[in-house]
């Protein structure tokens, strides 16, 4: 499996560069979940990060990716089809 060093911005991983596995298209996943364990037996707190372009070239194409912290913490529920109404 191939991985890419990816920058994390905000949240508990702020400023860290971690290797993230990339898919068949060469892009990292759209969301990244980081569980934070607790010592007192409670279930772990899950932090969510969203993939955003790191740099945008002159033609508007992204060259590289980074993850930004998403405090709302809602995982994506699938593709957003243009003919579906928001709930």
Protein backbone atom coordinates (compact mmCIF):
# COMPACT_ATOMS: atom_id res chain seq x y z
CA UNK A 1 0.00 0.00 0.00
CA UNK A 2 1.20 3.48 -0.82
CA UNK A 3 1.06 6.33 1.69
CA UNK A 4 1.47 10.09 1.52
CA UNK A 5 2.75 12.40 4.25
CA UNK A 6 -0.19 14.68 5.06
CA UNK A 7 -0.37 17.80 7.25
CA UNK A 8 -3.03 18.05 9.99
CA UNK A 9 -4.37 21.50 10.96
CA UNK A 10 -6.29 22.13 14.21
CA UNK A 11 -7.50 19.75 16.89
CA UNK A 12 -5.28 17.32 18.79
CA UNK A 13 -3.01 16.64 15.77
CA UNK A 14 -2.31 20.31 14.96
CA UNK A 15 0.95 20.75 13.06
CA UNK A 16 1.74 17.05 12.74
CA UNK A 17 2.60 15.38 9.45
CA UNK A 18 1.49 11.75 9.39
CA UNK A 19 1.61 9.08 6.67
CA UNK A 20 -1.92 8.44 5.36
CA UNK A 21 -2.75 5.54 3.05
CA UNK A 22 -3.94 6.63 -0.39
CA UNK A 23 -6.51 4.89 -2.55
CA UNK A 24 -6.27 3.61 -6.11
CA UNK A 25 -6.65 7.16 -7.46
CA UNK A 26 -3.69 8.41 -5.39
CA UNK A 27 -5.83 10.54 -3.08
CA UNK A 28 -6.18 10.16 0.69
CA UNK A 29 -9.68 9.55 2.13
CA UNK A 30 -12.08 12.50 2.38
CA UNK A 31 -12.41 12.13 6.16
CA UNK A 32 -9.96 10.93 8.79
CA UNK A 33 -11.05 9.79 12.26
CA UNK A 34 -8.74 9.90 15.28
CA UNK A 35 -9.95 8.08 18.43
CA UNK A 36 -8.72 9.52 21.74
CA UNK A 37 -8.85 6.86 24.49
CA UNK A 38 -9.80 7.64 28.10
CA UNK A 39 -8.16 6.08 31.16
CA UNK A 40 -11.37 5.74 33.19
CA UNK A 41 -13.08 3.16 30.95
CA UNK A 42 -15.32 5.55 29.00
CA UNK A 43 -15.61 5.03 25.24
CA UNK A 44 -12.98 6.93 23.24
CA UNK A 45 -13.65 10.43 21.93
CA UNK A 46 -13.46 10.50 18.12
CA UNK A 47 -12.05 13.60 16.39
CA UNK A 48 -12.90 14.18 12.71
CA UNK A 49 -10.72 15.79 10.05
CA UNK A 50 -11.81 16.77 6.52
CA UNK A 51 -9.53 16.69 3.46
CA UNK A 52 -8.95 20.08 1.79
CA UNK A 53 -6.52 21.15 -0.94
CA UNK A 54 -3.13 22.16 0.48
CA UNK A 55 -2.13 24.28 -2.51
CA UNK A 56 -4.10 25.42 -5.52
CA UNK A 57 -2.16 26.07 -8.71
CA UNK A 58 -2.72 28.74 -11.33
CA UNK A 59 -5.28 26.62 -13.15
CA UNK A 60 -7.29 26.00 -9.98
CA UNK A 61 -6.16 22.39 -9.62
CA UNK A 62 -5.10 21.12 -6.17
CA UNK A 63 -1.52 19.93 -5.76
CA UNK A 64 -1.43 18.06 -2.50
CA UNK A 65 -3.85 17.68 0.39
CA UNK A 66 -4.10 18.52 4.08
CA UNK A 67 -6.62 17.67 6.78
CA UNK A 68 -8.48 20.39 8.73
CA UNK A 69 -10.14 19.69 12.06
CA UNK A 70 -13.95 19.46 11.94
CA UNK A 71 -15.30 20.30 15.43
CA UNK A 72 -18.86 19.36 14.38
CA UNK A 73 -17.64 15.78 14.11
CA UNK A 74 -20.24 14.50 11.68
CA UNK A 75 -19.02 11.73 9.39
CA UNK A 76 -20.06 11.98 5.76
CA UNK A 77 -23.17 9.93 5.01
CA UNK A 78 -22.32 9.28 1.37
CA UNK A 79 -22.41 11.19 -1.89
CA UNK A 80 -24.42 14.39 -2.19
CA UNK A 81 -26.57 13.97 -5.25
CA UNK A 82 -27.71 17.19 -6.95
CA UNK A 83 -31.33 16.02 -7.27
CA UNK A 84 -31.73 15.22 -3.54
CA UNK A 85 -33.25 17.78 -1.20
CA UNK A 86 -31.42 18.59 2.04
CA UNK A 87 -33.10 17.09 5.09
